[in-house]
Amino acid sequence: TLCRPLFAASDEWGHATEQQKADFMEATDKWIQTLTSAVESLKDGLELRRVSGDDVRALGLSGQGEEDVAQVENLLEGWCEKIDEFKKSFIINRPSKKPRLEGPKEEIEYWRVRAQKLSSITEVMKRKDCRYLVSVLSSFAKTTDQPKSETIQLIKRWNQIEMEAIETVNEAKDNL
């Protein structure tokens, strides 16, 4: 947005015709709009509480006592709740409630915004701290003589959320 007024006011276009100047300005406007919407989508994306590197290392070295496992379970449960709230905020699983769109441009914009929001879910779920905490719980469930059913259900819930997010991202990208 900084250079656009300078380009518009400039008379130094060399051998470019007025049509070429207009085409350039139109392409510049589209690029600015795309960049602005990309920045907006990053601001509106999902953000889960991060776990510091020291906390992650401590969990891995602590021997996975009951207290540590409960702490990880609480954190993962909170993440699941936050992801569910985020999905509900833009009606992820109800395509029948999709707003009536006027034409192909609005349809593309709808799917583009949807893909960006959904991608923020999958990107957060790929973070190292998220992956590590899920693996800590999984290894606890596998190595314990009698794993808690709550732990197993929580891991299944996380995996289900991840699978649904990937499927809906792919659907949104296919519709672009």
C-alpha atoms as a PDB file:
ATOM      1  CA  THR A   1       0.000   0.000   0.000  1.00  0.00           C
ATOM      2  CA  LEU A   2       2.990   2.281   0.369  1.00  0.00           C
ATOM      3  CA  CYS A   3       4.109   2.153  -3.273  1.00  0.00           C
ATOM      4  CA  ARG A   4       0.704   2.186  -4.937  1.00  0.00           C
ATOM      5  CA  PRO A   5       0.145   5.979  -4.607  1.00  0.00           C
ATOM      6  CA  LEU A   6       3.664   6.585  -5.902  1.00  0.00           C
ATOM      7  CA  PHE A   7       3.020   4.441  -8.972  1.00  0.00           C
ATOM      8  CA  ALA A   8      -0.332   6.108  -9.611  1.00  0.00           C
ATOM      9  CA  ALA A   9       1.107   9.626  -9.373  1.00  0.00           C
ATOM     10  CA  SER A  10       4.199   8.901 -11.451  1.00  0.00           C
ATOM     11  CA  ASP A  11       4.499  10.127 -15.015  1.00  0.00           C
ATOM     12  CA  GLU A  12       7.625   8.079 -15.670  1.00  0.00           C
ATOM     13  CA  TRP A  13       6.184   5.020 -17.345  1.00  0.00           C
ATOM     14  CA  GLY A  14       8.546   5.024 -20.299  1.00  0.00           C
ATOM     15  CA  HIS A  15       6.964   3.533 -23.431  1.00  0.00           C
ATOM     16  CA  ALA A  16       4.042   1.980 -21.542  1.00  0.00           C
ATOM     17  CA  THR A  17       0.593   2.783 -22.878  1.00  0.00           C
ATOM     18  CA  GLU A  18      -2.270   3.982 -20.694  1.00  0.00           C
ATOM     19  CA  GLN A  19      -3.822   0.505 -20.954  1.00  0.00           C
ATOM     20  CA  GLN A  20      -0.603  -1.109 -19.728  1.00  0.00           C
ATOM     21  CA  LYS A  21      -0.447   1.395 -16.857  1.00  0.00           C
ATOM     22  CA  ALA A  22      -4.064   0.599 -15.928  1.00  0.00           C
ATOM     23  CA  ASP A  23      -3.403  -3.159 -16.123  1.00  0.00           C
ATOM     24  CA  PHE A  24      -0.357  -2.771 -13.895  1.00  0.00           C
ATOM     25  CA  MET A  25      -2.322  -0.760 -11.325  1.00  0.00           C
ATOM     26  CA  GLU A  26      -5.133  -3.327 -11.361  1.00  0.00           C
ATOM     27  CA  ALA A  27      -2.653  -6.178 -10.809  1.00  0.00           C
ATOM     28  CA  THR A  28      -1.050  -4.177  -8.002  1.00  0.00           C
ATOM     29  CA  ASP A  29      -4.445  -3.667  -6.343  1.00  0.00           C
ATOM     30  CA  LYS A  30      -5.182  -7.421  -6.546  1.00  0.00           C
ATOM     31  CA  TRP A  31      -1.786  -8.231  -5.061  1.00  0.00           C
ATOM     32  CA  ILE A  32      -2.343  -5.773  -2.186  1.00  0.00           C
ATOM     33  CA  GLN A  33      -5.788  -7.251  -1.534  1.00  0.00           C
ATOM     34  CA  THR A  34      -4.402 -10.802  -1.500  1.00  0.00           C
ATOM     35  CA  LEU A  35      -1.568  -9.842   0.820  1.00  0.00           C
ATOM     36  CA  THR A  36      -3.912  -7.960   3.153  1.00  0.00           C
ATOM     37  CA  SER A  37      -6.322 -10.888   3.384  1.00  0.00           C
ATOM     38  CA  ALA A  38      -3.425 -13.278   4.063  1.00  0.00           C
ATOM     39  CA  VAL A  39      -2.253 -11.099   6.951  1.00  0.00           C
ATOM     40  CA  GLU A  40      -5.829 -10.890   8.266  1.00  0.00           C
ATOM     41  CA  SER A  41      -6.199 -14.663   8.166  1.00  0.00           C
ATOM     42  CA  LEU A  42      -3.027 -15.046  10.194  1.00  0.00           C
ATOM     43  CA  LYS A  43      -4.402 -12.712  12.844  1.00  0.00           C
ATOM     44  CA  ASP A  44      -7.672 -14.652  12.974  1.00  0.00           C
ATOM     45  CA  GLY A  45      -6.044 -18.076  13.099  1.00  0.00           C
ATOM     46  CA  LEU A  46      -5.983 -20.557  15.931  1.00  0.00           C
ATOM     47  CA  GLU A  47      -3.385 -20.160  18.652  1.00  0.00           C
ATOM     48  CA  LEU A  48      -2.878 -22.755  21.359  1.00  0.00           C
ATOM     49  CA  ARG A  49      -0.865 -22.155  24.495  1.00  0.00           C
ATOM     50  CA  ARG A  50       2.727 -23.077  23.833  1.00  0.00           C
ATOM     51  CA  VAL A  51       4.727 -25.311  26.091  1.00  0.00           C
ATOM     52  CA  SER A  52       8.258 -24.072  26.676  1.00  0.00           C
ATOM     53  CA  GLY A  53      11.222 -26.225  25.739  1.00  0.00           C
ATOM     54  CA  ASP A  54      12.171 -26.636  29.413  1.00  0.00           C
ATOM     55  CA  ASP A  55       8.677 -27.854  30.272  1.00  0.00           C
ATOM     56  CA  VAL A  56       8.733 -30.324  27.393  1.00  0.00           C
ATOM     57  CA  ARG A  57      12.153 -31.663  28.395  1.00  0.00           C
ATOM     58  CA  ALA A  58      11.065 -31.953  32.043  1.00  0.00           C
ATOM     59  CA  LEU A  59       8.019 -33.986  31.041  1.00  0.00           C
ATOM     60  CA  GLY A  60      10.185 -36.326  28.993  1.00  0.00           C
ATOM     61  CA  LEU A  61      12.762 -36.821  31.748  1.00  0.00           C
ATOM     62  CA  SER A  62      10.430 -37.074  34.719  1.00  0.00           C
ATOM     63  CA  GLY A  63       9.526 -40.703  34.251  1.00  0.00           C
ATOM     64  CA  GLN A  64       5.912 -39.832  33.461  1.00  0.00           C
ATOM     65  CA  GLY A  65       4.511 -39.951  36.959  1.00  0.00           C
ATOM     66  CA  GLU A  66       0.773 -39.682  37.550  1.00  0.00           C
ATOM     67  CA  GLU A  67       1.075 -35.954  38.289  1.00  0.00           C
ATOM     68  CA  ASP A  68       2.937 -35.308  35.027  1.00  0.00           C
ATOM     69  CA  VAL A  69       0.439 -37.338  33.039  1.00  0.00           C
ATOM     70  CA  ALA A  70      -2.463 -35.460  34.604  1.00  0.00           C
ATOM     71  CA  GLN A  71      -0.789 -32.163  33.692  1.00  0.00           C
ATOM     72  CA  VAL A  72      -0.357 -33.275  30.069  1.00  0.00           C
ATOM     73  CA  GLU A  73      -3.932 -34.576  29.947  1.00  0.00           C
ATOM     74  CA  ASN A  74      -5.275 -31.244  31.207  1.00  0.00           C
ATOM     75  CA  LEU A  75      -3.255 -29.326  28.647  1.00  0.00           C
ATOM     76  CA  LEU A  76      -4.312 -31.583  25.777  1.00  0.00           C
ATOM     77  CA  GLU A  77      -7.947 -31.437  26.889  1.00  0.00           C
ATOM     78  CA  GLY A  78      -7.739 -27.645  26.890  1.00  0.00           C
ATOM     79  CA  TRP A  79      -6.274 -27.672  23.396  1.00  0.00           C
ATOM     80  CA  CYS A  80      -9.078 -29.935  22.162  1.00  0.00           C
ATOM     81  CA  GLU A  81     -11.685 -27.598  23.642  1.00  0.00           C
ATOM     82  CA  LYS A  82     -10.056 -24.542  22.075  1.00  0.00           C
ATOM     83  CA  ILE A  83      -9.915 -26.218  18.650  1.00  0.00           C
ATOM     84  CA  ASP A  84     -13.589 -27.216  18.929  1.00  0.00           C
ATOM     85  CA  GLU A  85     -14.538 -23.631  19.832  1.00  0.00           C
ATOM     86  CA  PHE A  86     -12.503 -22.302  16.910  1.00  0.00           C
ATOM     87  CA  LYS A  87     -14.173 -24.733  14.489  1.00  0.00           C
ATOM     88  CA  LYS A  88     -17.619 -23.789  15.746  1.00  0.00           C
ATOM     89  CA  SER A  89     -16.821 -20.117  15.285  1.00  0.00           C
ATOM     90  CA  PHE A  90     -16.988 -20.499  11.508  1.00  0.00           C
ATOM     91  CA  ILE A  91     -19.269 -23.539  11.200  1.00  0.00           C
ATOM     92  CA  ILE A  92     -16.691 -26.048  10.002  1.00  0.00           C
ATOM     93  CA  ASN A  93     -18.945 -29.099   9.829  1.00  0.00           C
ATOM     94  CA  ARG A  94     -22.150 -27.538   8.481  1.00  0.00           C
ATOM     95  CA  PRO A  95     -21.744 -26.813   4.770  1.00  0.00           C
ATOM     96  CA  SER A  96     -25.536 -26.642   4.421  1.00  0.00           C
ATOM     97  CA  LYS A  97     -25.382 -23.440   6.466  1.00  0.00           C
ATOM     98  CA  LYS A  98     -22.978 -21.916   3.952  1.00  0.00           C
ATOM     99  CA  PRO A  99     -24.114 -18.411   3.033  1.00  0.00           C
ATOM    100  CA  ARG A 100     -25.806 -17.918  -0.320  1.00  0.00           C
ATOM    101  CA  LEU A 101     -23.159 -16.587  -2.668  1.00  0.00           C
ATOM    102  CA  GLU A 102     -23.722 -14.271  -5.587  1.00  0.00           C
ATOM    103  CA  GLY A 103     -21.227 -15.646  -8.047  1.00  0.00           C
ATOM    104  CA  PRO A 104     -17.992 -17.511  -8.652  1.00  0.00           C
ATOM    105  CA  LYS A 105     -15.784 -14.819  -7.090  1.00  0.00           C
ATOM    106  CA  GLU A 106     -17.699 -14.983  -3.817  1.00  0.00           C
ATOM    107  CA  GLU A 107     -17.612 -18.791  -3.911  1.00  0.00           C
ATOM    108  CA  ILE A 108     -13.834 -18.762  -4.373  1.00  0.00           C
ATOM    109  CA  GLU A 109     -13.436 -16.199  -1.587  1.00  0.00           C
ATOM    110  CA  TYR A 110     -15.568 -18.334   0.743  1.00  0.00           C
ATOM    111  CA  TRP A 111     -13.430 -21.429   0.140  1.00  0.00           C
ATOM    112  CA  ARG A 112     -10.177 -19.446   0.298  1.00  0.00           C
ATOM    113  CA  VAL A 113     -11.019 -17.990   3.726  1.00  0.00           C
ATOM    114  CA  ARG A 114     -12.234 -21.392   4.911  1.00  0.00           C
ATOM    115  CA  ALA A 115      -9.008 -23.068   3.735  1.00  0.00           C
ATOM    116  CA  GLN A 116      -6.896 -20.454   5.533  1.00  0.00           C
ATOM    117  CA  LYS A 117      -8.765 -20.842   8.819  1.00  0.00           C
ATOM    118  CA  LEU A 118      -8.681 -24.625   8.636  1.00  0.00           C
ATOM    119  CA  SER A 119      -5.003 -24.597   7.738  1.00  0.00           C
ATOM    120  CA  SER A 120      -4.295 -22.695  10.934  1.00  0.00           C
ATOM    121  CA  ILE A 121      -5.680 -25.680  12.865  1.00  0.00           C
ATOM    122  CA  THR A 122      -3.471 -28.204  11.095  1.00  0.00           C
ATOM    123  CA  GLU A 123      -0.405 -25.972  11.376  1.00  0.00           C
ATOM    124  CA  VAL A 124      -0.859 -25.609  15.137  1.00  0.00           C
ATOM    125  CA  MET A 125      -1.377 -29.340  15.530  1.00  0.00           C
ATOM    126  CA  LYS A 126       1.921 -29.989  13.717  1.00  0.00           C
ATOM    127  CA  ARG A 127       3.948 -27.968  16.229  1.00  0.00           C
ATOM    128  CA  LYS A 128       6.709 -29.865  18.023  1.00  0.00           C
ATOM    129  CA  ASP A 129       5.272 -29.274  21.487  1.00  0.00           C
ATOM    130  CA  CYS A 130       1.848 -30.583  20.428  1.00  0.00           C
ATOM    131  CA  ARG A 131       3.333 -33.678  18.813  1.00  0.00           C
ATOM    132  CA  TYR A 132       5.583 -34.320  21.782  1.00  0.00           C
ATOM    133  CA  LEU A 133       2.825 -34.084  24.378  1.00  0.00           C
ATOM    134  CA  VAL A 134       0.623 -36.473  22.408  1.00  0.00           C
ATOM    135  CA  SER A 135       3.541 -38.902  22.152  1.00  0.00           C
ATOM    136  CA  VAL A 136       4.152 -38.632  25.924  1.00  0.00           C
ATOM    137  CA  LEU A 137       0.541 -39.614  26.570  1.00  0.00           C
ATOM    138  CA  SER A 138       0.652 -42.371  23.971  1.00  0.00           C
ATOM    139  CA  SER A 139       3.782 -43.897  25.434  1.00  0.00           C
ATOM    140  CA  PHE A 140       2.250 -43.685  28.914  1.00  0.00           C
ATOM    141  CA  ALA A 141      -0.853 -45.505  27.679  1.00  0.00           C
ATOM    142  CA  LYS A 142       1.271 -48.213  26.028  1.00  0.00           C
ATOM    143  CA  THR A 143       3.721 -48.811  28.886  1.00  0.00           C
ATOM    144  CA  THR A 144       1.303 -48.758  31.801  1.00  0.00           C
ATOM    145  CA  ASP A 145      -0.094 -52.093  32.934  1.00  0.00           C
ATOM    146  CA  GLN A 146      -3.588 -50.638  33.159  1.00  0.00           C
ATOM    147  CA  PRO A 147      -3.790 -47.490  31.073  1.00  0.00           C
ATOM    148  CA  LYS A 148      -6.496 -45.066  32.068  1.00  0.00           C
ATOM    149  CA  SER A 149      -9.407 -45.118  29.677  1.00  0.00           C
ATOM    150  CA  GLU A 150      -9.568 -41.297  29.920  1.00  0.00           C
ATOM    151  CA  THR A 151      -6.045 -41.065  28.516  1.00  0.00           C
ATOM    152  CA  ILE A 152      -6.856 -43.372  25.627  1.00  0.00           C
ATOM    153  CA  GLN A 153     -10.091 -41.480  24.884  1.00  0.00           C
ATOM    154  CA  LEU A 154      -8.228 -38.154  24.935  1.00  0.00           C
ATOM    155  CA  ILE A 155      -5.642 -39.425  22.464  1.00  0.00           C
ATOM    156  CA  LYS A 156      -8.437 -40.738  20.223  1.00  0.00           C
ATOM    157  CA  ARG A 157     -10.204 -37.367  20.446  1.00  0.00           C
ATOM    158  CA  TRP A 158      -7.017 -35.502  19.453  1.00  0.00           C
ATOM    159  CA  ASN A 159      -6.441 -37.851  16.519  1.00  0.00           C
ATOM    160  CA  GLN A 160     -10.081 -37.475  15.417  1.00  0.00           C
ATOM    161  CA  ILE A 161      -9.833 -33.682  15.516  1.00  0.00           C
ATOM    162  CA  GLU A 162      -6.630 -33.843  13.490  1.00  0.00           C
ATOM    163  CA  MET A 163      -8.160 -36.194  10.904  1.00  0.00           C
ATOM    164  CA  GLU A 164     -11.286 -34.020  10.529  1.00  0.00           C
ATOM    165  CA  ALA A 165      -9.167 -30.888  10.169  1.00  0.00           C
ATOM    166  CA  ILE A 166      -7.041 -32.448   7.424  1.00  0.00           C
ATOM    167  CA  GLU A 167     -10.116 -33.708   5.561  1.00  0.00           C
ATOM    168  CA  THR A 168     -11.859 -30.337   5.682  1.00  0.00           C
ATOM    169  CA  VAL A 169      -8.696 -28.483   4.629  1.00  0.00           C
ATOM    170  CA  ASN A 170      -8.434 -30.804   1.639  1.00  0.00           C
ATOM    171  CA  GLU A 171     -12.103 -30.231   0.812  1.00  0.00           C
ATOM    172  CA  ALA A 172     -11.653 -26.474   0.955  1.00  0.00           C
ATOM    173  CA  LYS A 173      -8.523 -26.622  -1.222  1.00  0.00           C
ATOM    174  CA  ASP A 174     -10.293 -28.878  -3.725  1.00  0.00           C
ATOM    175  CA  ASN A 175     -13.042 -26.280  -4.048  1.00  0.00           C
ATOM    176  CA  LEU A 176     -10.592 -23.487  -4.868  1.00  0.00           C
END
